Amino acid sequence: MKYTEEHEWLRTEGDVVVVGITEHATTQLGDIVFVELPEVGAEVSKDEEVVVIESVKAASDISAPLDGEIVAVNDALADTPNLANDDATGEGWFFKIKPSDPSQMDAYMDEAAYKAMIE
């Protein structure tokens, strides 16, 4: 997995990248009560805001970590947004993107670098 400075995680599954937020992010946000996901088929650019998260503490946005096409979204978050709190790196994923430039992944941190950043 790779990690962004904005506390997103990225996991490659074949030619698709699964994106979610880290446990650290969910702890900072508190209980997530609403998630607005992007449209499947949307072409997005790196750093474009694609997800809106509302928690008991704050509202926050998630930006696309890569250029590409949104190929799937986690519809379960619409009914159960706290899945992101309960299983941040598993069932709480947000969307899957097919990157147009997979080399953009190289710019992100590995787990050791991310842990060092949040300590």
PDB file of N, CA and C in Angstrom:
ATOM      1  N   MET A   1       0.836  -1.189   0.000  1.00  0.00           N
ATOM      2  CA  MET A   1       0.000   0.000   0.000  1.00  0.00           C
ATOM      3  C   MET A   1       0.875   1.246   0.000  1.00  0.00           C
ATOM      4  N   LYS A   2       0.316   2.312  -0.542  1.00  0.00           N
ATOM      5  CA  LYS A   2       0.963   3.622  -0.541  1.00  0.00           C
ATOM      6  C   LYS A   2       0.083   4.581   0.246  1.00  0.00           C
ATOM      7  N   TYR A   3       0.661   5.686   0.705  1.00  0.00           N
ATOM      8  CA  TYR A   3      -0.057   6.650   1.537  1.00  0.00           C
ATOM      9  C   TYR A   3       0.237   8.067   1.072  1.00  0.00           C
ATOM     10  N   THR A   4      -0.789   8.937   1.184  1.00  0.00           N
ATOM     11  CA  THR A   4      -0.611  10.342   0.835  1.00  0.00           C
ATOM     12  C   THR A   4      -0.460  11.165   2.111  1.00  0.00           C
ATOM     13  N   GLU A   5       0.031  12.374   1.974  1.00  0.00           N
ATOM     14  CA  GLU A   5       0.139  13.286   3.117  1.00  0.00           C
ATOM     15  C   GLU A   5      -1.246  13.684   3.627  1.00  0.00           C
ATOM     16  N   GLU A   6      -2.284  13.481   2.817  1.00  0.00           N
ATOM     17  CA  GLU A   6      -3.662  13.809   3.193  1.00  0.00           C
ATOM     18  C   GLU A   6      -4.354  12.621   3.869  1.00  0.00           C
ATOM     19  N   HIS A   7      -3.569  11.594   4.234  1.00  0.00           N
ATOM     20  CA  HIS A   7      -4.065  10.429   4.990  1.00  0.00           C
ATOM     21  C   HIS A   7      -4.983   9.523   4.178  1.00  0.00           C
ATOM     22  N   GLU A   8      -4.697   9.430   2.883  1.00  0.00           N
ATOM     23  CA  GLU A   8      -5.378   8.456   2.044  1.00  0.00           C
ATOM     24  C   GLU A   8      -4.448   7.259   1.873  1.00  0.00           C
ATOM     25  N   TRP A   9      -5.051   6.072   1.705  1.00  0.00           N
ATOM     26  CA  TRP A   9      -4.253   4.903   1.352  1.00  0.00           C
ATOM     27  C   TRP A   9      -4.641   4.467  -0.055  1.00  0.00           C
ATOM     28  N   LEU A  10      -3.681   3.858  -0.740  1.00  0.00           N
ATOM     29  CA  LEU A  10      -3.883   3.387  -2.105  1.00  0.00           C
ATOM     30  C   LEU A  10      -3.370   1.958  -2.188  1.00  0.00           C
ATOM     31  N   ARG A  11      -4.227   1.070  -2.677  1.00  0.00           N
ATOM     32  CA  ARG A  11      -3.850  -0.339  -2.819  1.00  0.00           C
ATOM     33  C   ARG A  11      -4.096  -0.760  -4.264  1.00  0.00           C
ATOM     34  N   THR A  12      -3.060  -1.266  -4.911  1.00  0.00           N
ATOM     35  CA  THR A  12      -3.175  -1.712  -6.301  1.00  0.00           C
ATOM     36  C   THR A  12      -3.808  -3.097  -6.358  1.00  0.00           C
ATOM     37  N   GLU A  13      -4.816  -3.230  -7.211  1.00  0.00           N
ATOM     38  CA  GLU A  13      -5.461  -4.517  -7.488  1.00  0.00           C
ATOM     39  C   GLU A  13      -5.520  -4.664  -8.997  1.00  0.00           C
ATOM     40  N   GLY A  14      -4.525  -5.319  -9.561  1.00  0.00           N
ATOM     41  CA  GLY A  14      -4.430  -5.431 -11.016  1.00  0.00           C
ATOM     42  C   GLY A  14      -4.144  -4.070 -11.613  1.00  0.00           C
ATOM     43  N   ASP A  15      -5.000  -3.625 -12.555  1.00  0.00           N
ATOM     44  CA  ASP A  15      -4.787  -2.314 -13.185  1.00  0.00           C
ATOM     45  C   ASP A  15      -5.646  -1.225 -12.541  1.00  0.00           C
ATOM     46  N   VAL A  16      -6.201  -1.522 -11.360  1.00  0.00           N
ATOM     47  CA  VAL A  16      -7.068  -0.593 -10.640  1.00  0.00           C
ATOM     48  C   VAL A  16      -6.436  -0.273  -9.286  1.00  0.00           C
ATOM     49  N   VAL A  17      -6.676   0.945  -8.790  1.00  0.00           N
ATOM     50  CA  VAL A  17      -6.185   1.340  -7.477  1.00  0.00           C
ATOM     51  C   VAL A  17      -7.384   1.622  -6.573  1.00  0.00           C
ATOM     52  N   VAL A  18      -7.425   0.947  -5.435  1.00  0.00           N
ATOM     53  CA  VAL A  18      -8.473   1.142  -4.445  1.00  0.00           C
ATOM     54  C   VAL A  18      -8.011   2.266  -3.518  1.00  0.00           C
ATOM     55  N   VAL A  19      -8.931   3.207  -3.191  1.00  0.00           N
ATOM     56  CA  VAL A  19      -8.580   4.370  -2.381  1.00  0.00           C
ATOM     57  C   VAL A  19      -9.499   4.459  -1.166  1.00  0.00           C
ATOM     58  N   GLY A  20      -8.905   4.758  -0.026  1.00  0.00           N
ATOM     59  CA  GLY A  20      -9.663   4.983   1.204  1.00  0.00           C
ATOM     60  C   GLY A  20      -8.889   5.938   2.097  1.00  0.00           C
ATOM     61  N   ILE A  21      -9.368   6.122   3.318  1.00  0.00           N
ATOM     62  CA  ILE A  21      -8.639   6.957   4.263  1.00  0.00           C
ATOM     63  C   ILE A  21      -8.098   6.078   5.389  1.00  0.00           C
ATOM     64  N   THR A  22      -7.028   6.531   5.981  1.00  0.00           N
ATOM     65  CA  THR A  22      -6.337   5.736   6.994  1.00  0.00           C
ATOM     66  C   THR A  22      -7.075   5.752   8.331  1.00  0.00           C
ATOM     67  N   GLU A  23      -6.716   4.813   9.188  1.00  0.00           N
ATOM     68  CA  GLU A  23      -7.276   4.785  10.531  1.00  0.00           C
ATOM     69  C   GLU A  23      -6.956   6.081  11.275  1.00  0.00           C
ATOM     70  N   HIS A  24      -5.753   6.616  11.037  1.00  0.00           N
ATOM     71  CA  HIS A  24      -5.380   7.892  11.660  1.00  0.00           C
ATOM     72  C   HIS A  24      -6.382   8.984  11.271  1.00  0.00           C
ATOM     73  N   ALA A  25      -6.751   9.023   9.991  1.00  0.00           N
ATOM     74  CA  ALA A  25      -7.711  10.026   9.516  1.00  0.00           C
ATOM     75  C   ALA A  25      -9.068   9.841  10.173  1.00  0.00           C
ATOM     76  N   THR A  26      -9.521   8.590  10.300  1.00  0.00           N
ATOM     77  CA  THR A  26     -10.835   8.364  10.899  1.00  0.00           C
ATOM     78  C   THR A  26     -10.828   8.757  12.374  1.00  0.00           C
ATOM     79  N   THR A  27      -9.703   8.551  13.044  1.00  0.00           N
ATOM     80  CA  THR A  27      -9.581   8.961  14.451  1.00  0.00           C
ATOM     81  C   THR A  27      -9.674  10.478  14.564  1.00  0.00           C
ATOM     82  N   GLN A  28      -9.020  11.178  13.652  1.00  0.00           N
ATOM     83  CA  GLN A  28      -9.047  12.645  13.662  1.00  0.00           C
ATOM     84  C   GLN A  28     -10.443  13.182  13.352  1.00  0.00           C
ATOM     85  N   LEU A  29     -11.144  12.522  12.439  1.00  0.00           N
ATOM     86  CA  LEU A  29     -12.471  12.985  12.030  1.00  0.00           C
ATOM     87  C   LEU A  29     -13.554  12.658  13.060  1.00  0.00           C
ATOM     88  N   GLY A  30     -13.391  11.561  13.770  1.00  0.00           N
ATOM     89  CA  GLY A  30     -14.458  11.100  14.655  1.00  0.00           C
ATOM     90  C   GLY A  30     -15.451  10.282  13.848  1.00  0.00           C
ATOM     91  N   ASP A  31     -16.637  10.066  14.411  1.00  0.00           N
ATOM     92  CA  ASP A  31     -17.635   9.228  13.750  1.00  0.00           C
ATOM     93  C   ASP A  31     -18.096   9.853  12.435  1.00  0.00           C
ATOM     94  N   ILE A  32     -17.927   9.099  11.346  1.00  0.00           N
ATOM     95  CA  ILE A  32     -18.346   9.559  10.025  1.00  0.00           C
ATOM     96  C   ILE A  32     -19.842   9.300   9.877  1.00  0.00           C
ATOM     97  N   VAL A  33     -20.581  10.359   9.498  1.00  0.00           N
ATOM     98  CA  VAL A  33     -22.043  10.263   9.434  1.00  0.00           C
ATOM     99  C   VAL A  33     -22.589  10.379   8.006  1.00  0.00           C
ATOM    100  N   PHE A  34     -21.752  10.816   7.057  1.00  0.00           N
ATOM    101  CA  PHE A  34     -22.211  10.988   5.676  1.00  0.00           C
ATOM    102  C   PHE A  34     -21.013  10.935   4.744  1.00  0.00           C
ATOM    103  N   VAL A  35     -21.178  10.256   3.610  1.00  0.00           N
ATOM    104  CA  VAL A  35     -20.148  10.206   2.577  1.00  0.00           C
ATOM    105  C   VAL A  35     -20.809  10.419   1.228  1.00  0.00           C
ATOM    106  N   GLU A  36     -20.296  11.378   0.457  1.00  0.00           N
ATOM    107  CA  GLU A  36     -20.751  11.604  -0.917  1.00  0.00           C
ATOM    108  C   GLU A  36     -19.647  11.124  -1.844  1.00  0.00           C
ATOM    109  N   LEU A  37     -19.954  10.128  -2.658  1.00  0.00           N
ATOM    110  CA  LEU A  37     -18.965   9.499  -3.526  1.00  0.00           C
ATOM    111  C   LEU A  37     -19.046  10.031  -4.948  1.00  0.00           C
ATOM    112  N   PRO A  38     -17.965   9.883  -5.721  1.00  0.00           N
ATOM    113  CA  PRO A  38     -18.000  10.331  -7.123  1.00  0.00           C
ATOM    114  C   PRO A  38     -18.853   9.393  -7.974  1.00  0.00           C
ATOM    115  N   GLU A  39     -19.140   9.819  -9.185  1.00  0.00           N
ATOM    116  CA  GLU A  39     -19.902   9.007 -10.131  1.00  0.00           C
ATOM    117  C   GLU A  39     -18.974   7.992 -10.802  1.00  0.00           C
ATOM    118  N   VAL A  40     -19.446   6.760 -10.940  1.00  0.00           N
ATOM    119  CA  VAL A  40     -18.702   5.764 -11.701  1.00  0.00           C
ATOM    120  C   VAL A  40     -18.635   6.250 -13.146  1.00  0.00           C
ATOM    121  N   GLY A  41     -17.459   6.139 -13.738  1.00  0.00           N
ATOM    122  CA  GLY A  41     -17.254   6.600 -15.111  1.00  0.00           C
ATOM    123  C   GLY A  41     -16.675   7.999 -15.199  1.00  0.00           C
ATOM    124  N   ALA A  42     -16.634   8.699 -14.068  1.00  0.00           N
ATOM    125  CA  ALA A  42     -16.096  10.064 -14.063  1.00  0.00           C
ATOM    126  C   ALA A  42     -14.588  10.038 -14.327  1.00  0.00           C
ATOM    127  N   GLU A  43     -14.156  10.934 -15.202  1.00  0.00           N
ATOM    128  CA  GLU A  43     -12.721  11.135 -15.428  1.00  0.00           C
ATOM    129  C   GLU A  43     -12.270  12.195 -14.437  1.00  0.00           C
ATOM    130  N   VAL A  44     -11.261  11.880 -13.646  1.00  0.00           N
ATOM    131  CA  VAL A  44     -10.800  12.816 -12.620  1.00  0.00           C
ATOM    132  C   VAL A  44      -9.317  13.105 -12.789  1.00  0.00           C
ATOM    133  N   SER A  45      -8.932  14.250 -12.250  1.00  0.00           N
ATOM    134  CA  SER A  45      -7.530  14.654 -12.283  1.00  0.00           C
ATOM    135  C   SER A  45      -6.963  14.607 -10.877  1.00  0.00           C
ATOM    136  N   LYS A  46      -5.677  14.312 -10.790  1.00  0.00           N
ATOM    137  CA  LYS A  46      -4.991  14.300  -9.504  1.00  0.00           C
ATOM    138  C   LYS A  46      -5.274  15.614  -8.777  1.00  0.00           C
ATOM    139  N   ASP A  47      -5.561  15.521  -7.497  1.00  0.00           N
ATOM    140  CA  ASP A  47      -5.854  16.655  -6.608  1.00  0.00           C
ATOM    141  C   ASP A  47      -7.252  17.249  -6.794  1.00  0.00           C
ATOM    142  N   GLU A  48      -8.060  16.700  -7.675  1.00  0.00           N
ATOM    143  CA  GLU A  48      -9.453  17.149  -7.820  1.00  0.00           C
ATOM    144  C   GLU A  48     -10.275  16.554  -6.667  1.00  0.00           C
ATOM    145  N   GLU A  49     -11.107  17.388  -6.034  1.00  0.00           N
ATOM    146  CA  GLU A  49     -11.938  16.903  -4.936  1.00  0.00           C
ATOM    147  C   GLU A  49     -12.995  15.959  -5.488  1.00  0.00           C
ATOM    148  N   VAL A  50     -13.045  14.726  -4.935  1.00  0.00           N
ATOM    149  CA  VAL A  50     -13.965  13.729  -5.475  1.00  0.00           C
ATOM    150  C   VAL A  50     -14.904  13.129  -4.434  1.00  0.00           C
ATOM    151  N   VAL A  51     -14.584  13.256  -3.154  1.00  0.00           N
ATOM    152  CA  VAL A  51     -15.415  12.692  -2.088  1.00  0.00           C
ATOM    153  C   VAL A  51     -15.619  13.754  -1.016  1.00  0.00           C
ATOM    154  N   VAL A  52     -16.841  13.821  -0.496  1.00  0.00           N
ATOM    155  CA  VAL A  52     -17.135  14.682   0.651  1.00  0.00           C
ATOM    156  C   VAL A  52     -17.452  13.765   1.831  1.00  0.00           C
ATOM    157  N   ILE A  53     -16.807  14.038   2.952  1.00  0.00           N
ATOM    158  CA  ILE A  53     -17.034  13.267   4.174  1.00  0.00           C
ATOM    159  C   ILE A  53     -17.539  14.236   5.237  1.00  0.00           C
ATOM    160  N   GLU A  54     -18.585  13.849   5.931  1.00  0.00           N
ATOM    161  CA  GLU A  54     -19.042  14.627   7.078  1.00  0.00           C
ATOM    162  C   GLU A  54     -18.959  13.733   8.300  1.00  0.00           C
ATOM    163  N   SER A  55     -18.385  14.298   9.365  1.00  0.00           N
ATOM    164  CA  SER A  55     -18.280  13.561  10.617  1.00  0.00           C
ATOM    165  C   SER A  55     -18.889  14.408  11.722  1.00  0.00           C
ATOM    166  N   VAL A  56     -18.927  13.845  12.924  1.00  0.00           N
ATOM    167  CA  VAL A  56     -19.466  14.606  14.047  1.00  0.00           C
ATOM    168  C   VAL A  56     -18.590  15.816  14.357  1.00  0.00           C
ATOM    169  N   LYS A  57     -17.330  15.799  13.911  1.00  0.00           N
ATOM    170  CA  LYS A  57     -16.408  16.900  14.198  1.00  0.00           C
ATOM    171  C   LYS A  57     -16.289  17.912  13.065  1.00  0.00           C
ATOM    172  N   ALA A  58     -16.321  17.436  11.808  1.00  0.00           N
ATOM    173  CA  ALA A  58     -16.006  18.334  10.695  1.00  0.00           C
ATOM    174  C   ALA A  58     -16.459  17.756   9.367  1.00  0.00           C
ATOM    175  N   ALA A  59     -16.438  18.603   8.359  1.00  0.00           N
ATOM    176  CA  ALA A  59     -16.613  18.146   6.977  1.00  0.00           C
ATOM    177  C   ALA A  59     -15.237  18.167   6.329  1.00  0.00           C
ATOM    178  N   SER A  60     -15.012  17.240   5.431  1.00  0.00           N
ATOM    179  CA  SER A  60     -13.703  17.119   4.817  1.00  0.00           C
ATOM    180  C   SER A  60     -13.872  16.622   3.383  1.00  0.00           C
ATOM    181  N   ASP A  61     -12.888  16.880   2.561  1.00  0.00           N
ATOM    182  CA  ASP A  61     -12.903  16.409   1.182  1.00  0.00           C
ATOM    183  C   ASP A  61     -11.755  15.442   0.960  1.00  0.00           C
ATOM    184  N   ILE A  62     -11.965  14.528   0.054  1.00  0.00           N
ATOM    185  CA  ILE A  62     -10.893  13.642  -0.393  1.00  0.00           C
ATOM    186  C   ILE A  62     -10.632  13.985  -1.849  1.00  0.00           C
ATOM    187  N   SER A  63      -9.369  14.170  -2.171  1.00  0.00           N
ATOM    188  CA  SER A  63      -8.977  14.473  -3.545  1.00  0.00           C
ATOM    189  C   SER A  63      -8.514  13.203  -4.239  1.00  0.00           C
ATOM    190  N   ALA A  64      -8.686  13.184  -5.542  1.00  0.00           N
ATOM    191  CA  ALA A  64      -8.190  12.059  -6.327  1.00  0.00           C
ATOM    192  C   ALA A  64      -6.665  12.040  -6.220  1.00  0.00           C
ATOM    193  N   PRO A  65      -6.085  10.906  -5.855  1.00  0.00           N
ATOM    194  CA  PRO A  65      -4.636  10.832  -5.745  1.00  0.00           C
ATOM    195  C   PRO A  65      -3.943  10.604  -7.088  1.00  0.00           C
ATOM    196  N   LEU A  66      -4.738  10.294  -8.112  1.00  0.00           N
ATOM    197  CA  LEU A  66      -4.204   9.963  -9.433  1.00  0.00           C
ATOM    198  C   LEU A  66      -5.133  10.498 -10.518  1.00  0.00           C
ATOM    199  N   ASP A  67      -4.588  10.699 -11.705  1.00  0.00           N
ATOM    200  CA  ASP A  67      -5.422  10.957 -12.876  1.00  0.00           C
ATOM    201  C   ASP A  67      -6.026   9.628 -13.308  1.00  0.00           C
ATOM    202  N   GLY A  68      -7.304   9.640 -13.712  1.00  0.00           N
ATOM    203  CA  GLY A  68      -7.880   8.404 -14.219  1.00  0.00           C
ATOM    204  C   GLY A  68      -9.387   8.404 -14.201  1.00  0.00           C
ATOM    205  N   GLU A  69      -9.948   7.199 -14.319  1.00  0.00           N
ATOM    206  CA  GLU A  69     -11.396   7.018 -14.379  1.00  0.00           C
ATOM    207  C   GLU A  69     -11.871   6.284 -13.130  1.00  0.00           C
ATOM    208  N   ILE A  70     -12.923   6.801 -12.510  1.00  0.00           N
ATOM    209  CA  ILE A  70     -13.549   6.124 -11.383  1.00  0.00           C
ATOM    210  C   ILE A  70     -14.285   4.909 -11.944  1.00  0.00           C
ATOM    211  N   VAL A  71     -13.900   3.706 -11.512  1.00  0.00           N
ATOM    212  CA  VAL A  71     -14.506   2.490 -12.066  1.00  0.00           C
ATOM    213  C   VAL A  71     -15.438   1.799 -11.075  1.00  0.00           C
ATOM    214  N   ALA A  72     -15.377   2.189  -9.797  1.00  0.00           N
ATOM    215  CA  ALA A  72     -16.295   1.613  -8.799  1.00  0.00           C
ATOM    216  C   ALA A  72     -16.317   2.527  -7.586  1.00  0.00           C
ATOM    217  N   VAL A  73     -17.453   2.521  -6.884  1.00  0.00           N
ATOM    218  CA  VAL A  73     -17.562   3.239  -5.612  1.00  0.00           C
ATOM    219  C   VAL A  73     -18.149   2.274  -4.583  1.00  0.00           C
ATOM    220  N   ASN A  74     -17.879   2.527  -3.333  1.00  0.00           N
ATOM    221  CA  ASN A  74     -18.355   1.666  -2.257  1.00  0.00           C
ATOM    222  C   ASN A  74     -19.747   2.133  -1.824  1.00  0.00           C
ATOM    223  N   ASP A  75     -20.770   1.609  -2.501  1.00  0.00           N
ATOM    224  CA  ASP A  75     -22.151   2.015  -2.229  1.00  0.00           C
ATOM    225  C   ASP A  75     -22.577   1.736  -0.790  1.00  0.00           C
ATOM    226  N   ALA A  76     -21.916   0.794  -0.124  1.00  0.00           N
ATOM    227  CA  ALA A  76     -22.269   0.476   1.260  1.00  0.00           C
ATOM    228  C   ALA A  76     -22.078   1.683   2.173  1.00  0.00           C
ATOM    229  N   LEU A  77     -21.201   2.608   1.802  1.00  0.00           N
ATOM    230  CA  LEU A  77     -20.953   3.799   2.627  1.00  0.00           C
ATOM    231  C   LEU A  77     -22.157   4.738   2.660  1.00  0.00           C
ATOM    232  N   ALA A  78     -23.013   4.669   1.649  1.00  0.00           N
ATOM    233  CA  ALA A  78     -24.202   5.528   1.638  1.00  0.00           C
ATOM    234  C   ALA A  78     -25.117   5.185   2.809  1.00  0.00           C
ATOM    235  N   ASP A  79     -25.299   3.906   3.067  1.00  0.00           N
ATOM    236  CA  ASP A  79     -26.166   3.464   4.159  1.00  0.00           C
ATOM    237  C   ASP A  79     -25.423   3.328   5.488  1.00  0.00           C
ATOM    238  N   THR A  80     -24.140   3.023   5.417  1.00  0.00           N
ATOM    239  CA  THR A  80     -23.346   2.774   6.620  1.00  0.00           C
ATOM    240  C   THR A  80     -22.026   3.532   6.530  1.00  0.00           C
ATOM    241  N   PRO A  81     -22.068   4.869   6.630  1.00  0.00           N
ATOM    242  CA  PRO A  81     -20.835   5.644   6.459  1.00  0.00           C
ATOM    243  C   PRO A  81     -19.760   5.324   7.503  1.00  0.00           C
ATOM    244  N   ASN A  82     -20.164   4.814   8.670  1.00  0.00           N
ATOM    245  CA  ASN A  82     -19.163   4.520   9.691  1.00  0.00           C
ATOM    246  C   ASN A  82     -18.363   3.255   9.392  1.00  0.00           C
ATOM    247  N   LEU A  83     -18.626   2.593   8.254  1.00  0.00           N
ATOM    248  CA  LEU A  83     -17.745   1.510   7.812  1.00  0.00           C
ATOM    249  C   LEU A  83     -16.315   2.017   7.707  1.00  0.00           C
ATOM    250  N   ALA A  84     -16.151   3.274   7.315  1.00  0.00           N
ATOM    251  CA  ALA A  84     -14.815   3.854   7.207  1.00  0.00           C
ATOM    252  C   ALA A  84     -14.138   3.922   8.576  1.00  0.00           C
ATOM    253  N   ASN A  85     -14.922   4.138   9.628  1.00  0.00           N
ATOM    254  CA  ASN A  85     -14.368   4.130  10.983  1.00  0.00           C
ATOM    255  C   ASN A  85     -14.042   2.705  11.425  1.00  0.00           C
ATOM    256  N   ASP A  86     -14.951   1.779  11.132  1.00  0.00           N
ATOM    257  CA  ASP A  86     -14.848   0.417  11.648  1.00  0.00           C
ATOM    258  C   ASP A  86     -13.785  -0.424  10.946  1.00  0.00           C
ATOM    259  N   ASP A  87     -13.584  -0.186   9.649  1.00  0.00           N
ATOM    260  CA  ASP A  87     -12.654  -1.013   8.865  1.00  0.00           C
ATOM    261  C   ASP A  87     -12.030  -0.143   7.778  1.00  0.00           C
ATOM    262  N   ALA A  88     -11.225   0.822   8.203  1.00  0.00           N
ATOM    263  CA  ALA A  88     -10.701   1.856   7.299  1.00  0.00           C
ATOM    264  C   ALA A  88      -9.969   1.285   6.086  1.00  0.00           C
ATOM    265  N   THR A  89      -9.167   0.262   6.273  1.00  0.00           N
ATOM    266  CA  THR A  89      -8.377  -0.256   5.151  1.00  0.00           C
ATOM    267  C   THR A  89      -8.986  -1.511   4.530  1.00  0.00           C
ATOM    268  N   GLY A  90     -10.210  -1.846   4.916  1.00  0.00           N
ATOM    269  CA  GLY A  90     -10.886  -3.012   4.348  1.00  0.00           C
ATOM    270  C   GLY A  90     -12.208  -2.623   3.731  1.00  0.00           C
ATOM    271  N   GLU A  91     -13.313  -2.947   4.431  1.00  0.00           N
ATOM    272  CA  GLU A  91     -14.652  -2.678   3.923  1.00  0.00           C
ATOM    273  C   GLU A  91     -14.972  -1.188   3.820  1.00  0.00           C
ATOM    274  N   GLY A  92     -14.153  -0.332   4.403  1.00  0.00           N
ATOM    275  CA  GLY A  92     -14.409   1.105   4.396  1.00  0.00           C
ATOM    276  C   GLY A  92     -13.769   1.871   3.251  1.00  0.00           C
ATOM    277  N   TRP A  93     -13.362   1.172   2.190  1.00  0.00           N
ATOM    278  CA  TRP A  93     -12.775   1.849   1.026  1.00  0.00           C
ATOM    279  C   TRP A  93     -13.802   2.797   0.392  1.00  0.00           C
ATOM    280  N   PHE A  94     -13.316   3.794  -0.356  1.00  0.00           N
ATOM    281  CA  PHE A  94     -14.204   4.798  -0.949  1.00  0.00           C
ATOM    282  C   PHE A  94     -14.459   4.580  -2.438  1.00  0.00           C
ATOM    283  N   PHE A  95     -13.397   4.469  -3.222  1.00  0.00           N
ATOM    284  CA  PHE A  95     -13.592   4.293  -4.669  1.00  0.00           C
ATOM    285  C   PHE A  95     -12.406   3.562  -5.268  1.00  0.00           C
ATOM    286  N   LYS A  96     -12.631   3.086  -6.499  1.00  0.00           N
ATOM    287  CA  LYS A  96     -11.572   2.445  -7.277  1.00  0.00           C
ATOM    288  C   LYS A  96     -11.363   3.279  -8.523  1.00  0.00           C
ATOM    289  N   ILE A  97     -10.103   3.488  -8.848  1.00  0.00           N
ATOM    290  CA  ILE A  97      -9.756   4.317  -9.999  1.00  0.00           C
ATOM    291  C   ILE A  97      -8.818   3.539 -10.914  1.00  0.00           C
ATOM    292  N   LYS A  98      -9.067   3.675 -12.221  1.00  0.00           N
ATOM    293  CA  LYS A  98      -8.147   3.102 -13.205  1.00  0.00           C
ATOM    294  C   LYS A  98      -7.232   4.249 -13.634  1.00  0.00           C
ATOM    295  N   PRO A  99      -5.983   4.231 -13.155  1.00  0.00           N
ATOM    296  CA  PRO A  99      -5.100   5.372 -13.426  1.00  0.00           C
ATOM    297  C   PRO A  99      -4.693   5.470 -14.893  1.00  0.00           C
ATOM    298  N   SER A 100      -4.643   6.706 -15.378  1.00  0.00           N
ATOM    299  CA  SER A 100      -4.157   6.916 -16.739  1.00  0.00           C
ATOM    300  C   SER A 100      -2.633   6.987 -16.744  1.00  0.00           C
ATOM    301  N   ASP A 101      -2.030   7.237 -15.575  1.00  0.00           N
ATOM    302  CA  ASP A 101      -0.574   7.288 -15.449  1.00  0.00           C
ATOM    303  C   ASP A 101      -0.175   6.605 -14.140  1.00  0.00           C
ATOM    304  N   PRO A 102      -0.042   5.272 -14.155  1.00  0.00           N
ATOM    305  CA  PRO A 102       0.271   4.534 -12.926  1.00  0.00           C
ATOM    306  C   PRO A 102       1.553   4.990 -12.233  1.00  0.00           C
ATOM    307  N   SER A 103       2.459   5.639 -12.960  1.00  0.00           N
ATOM    308  CA  SER A 103       3.711   6.080 -12.332  1.00  0.00           C
ATOM    309  C   SER A 103       3.468   7.158 -11.275  1.00  0.00           C
ATOM    310  N   GLN A 104       2.276   7.772 -11.260  1.00  0.00           N
ATOM    311  CA  GLN A 104       1.963   8.756 -10.219  1.00  0.00           C
ATOM    312  C   GLN A 104       2.002   8.124  -8.833  1.00  0.00           C
ATOM    313  N   MET A 105       1.820   6.812  -8.747  1.00  0.00           N
ATOM    314  CA  MET A 105       1.880   6.100  -7.473  1.00  0.00           C
ATOM    315  C   MET A 105       3.263   6.225  -6.833  1.00  0.00           C
ATOM    316  N   ASP A 106       4.287   6.373  -7.663  1.00  0.00           N
ATOM    317  CA  ASP A 106       5.660   6.401  -7.159  1.00  0.00           C
ATOM    318  C   ASP A 106       5.923   7.569  -6.218  1.00  0.00           C
ATOM    319  N   ALA A 107       5.108   8.610  -6.299  1.00  0.00           N
ATOM    320  CA  ALA A 107       5.328   9.807  -5.486  1.00  0.00           C
ATOM    321  C   ALA A 107       4.866   9.633  -4.045  1.00  0.00           C
ATOM    322  N   TYR A 108       4.137   8.559  -3.750  1.00  0.00           N
ATOM    323  CA  TYR A 108       3.542   8.409  -2.427  1.00  0.00           C
ATOM    324  C   TYR A 108       4.396   7.576  -1.477  1.00  0.00           C
ATOM    325  N   MET A 109       4.108   7.717  -0.186  1.00  0.00           N
ATOM    326  CA  MET A 109       4.893   7.085   0.866  1.00  0.00           C
ATOM    327  C   MET A 109       4.549   5.609   1.026  1.00  0.00           C
ATOM    328  N   ASP A 110       5.549   4.841   1.492  1.00  0.00           N
ATOM    329  CA  ASP A 110       5.258   3.486   1.928  1.00  0.00           C
ATOM    330  C   ASP A 110       4.786   3.555   3.384  1.00  0.00           C
ATOM    331  N   GLU A 111       4.439   2.409   3.953  1.00  0.00           N
ATOM    332  CA  GLU A 111       3.861   2.400   5.303  1.00  0.00           C
ATOM    333  C   GLU A 111       4.825   2.959   6.348  1.00  0.00           C
ATOM    334  N   ALA A 112       6.102   2.623   6.245  1.00  0.00           N
ATOM    335  CA  ALA A 112       7.069   3.109   7.237  1.00  0.00           C
ATOM    336  C   ALA A 112       7.176   4.636   7.202  1.00  0.00           C
ATOM    337  N   ALA A 113       7.206   5.210   6.020  1.00  0.00           N
ATOM    338  CA  ALA A 113       7.303   6.673   5.884  1.00  0.00           C
ATOM    339  C   ALA A 113       6.027   7.329   6.415  1.00  0.00           C
ATOM    340  N   TYR A 114       4.867   6.720   6.139  1.00  0.00           N
ATOM    341  CA  TYR A 114       3.605   7.284   6.626  1.00  0.00           C
ATOM    342  C   TYR A 114       3.557   7.243   8.148  1.00  0.00           C
ATOM    343  N   LYS A 115       3.943   6.117   8.729  1.00  0.00           N
ATOM    344  CA  LYS A 115       3.925   6.012  10.202  1.00  0.00           C
ATOM    345  C   LYS A 115       4.862   7.049  10.821  1.00  0.00           C
ATOM    346  N   ALA A 116       6.000   7.263  10.203  1.00  0.00           N
ATOM    347  CA  ALA A 116       6.946   8.275  10.715  1.00  0.00           C
ATOM    348  C   ALA A 116       6.323   9.664  10.639  1.00  0.00           C
ATOM    349  N   MET A 117       5.536   9.936   9.591  1.00  0.00           N
ATOM    350  CA  MET A 117       4.924  11.249   9.431  1.00  0.00           C
ATOM    351  C   MET A 117       3.880  11.533  10.510  1.00  0.00           C
ATOM    352  N   ILE A 118       3.097  10.505  10.897  1.00  0.00           N
ATOM    353  CA  ILE A 118       1.997  10.755  11.844  1.00  0.00           C
ATOM    354  C   ILE A 118       2.438  10.650  13.302  1.00  0.00           C
ATOM    355  N   GLU A 119       3.660  10.215  13.552  1.00  0.00           N
ATOM    356  CA  GLU A 119       4.116  10.095  14.936  1.00  0.00           C
ATOM    357  C   GLU A 119       4.577  11.425  15.498  1.00  0.00           C
TER     358      GLU A 119
END
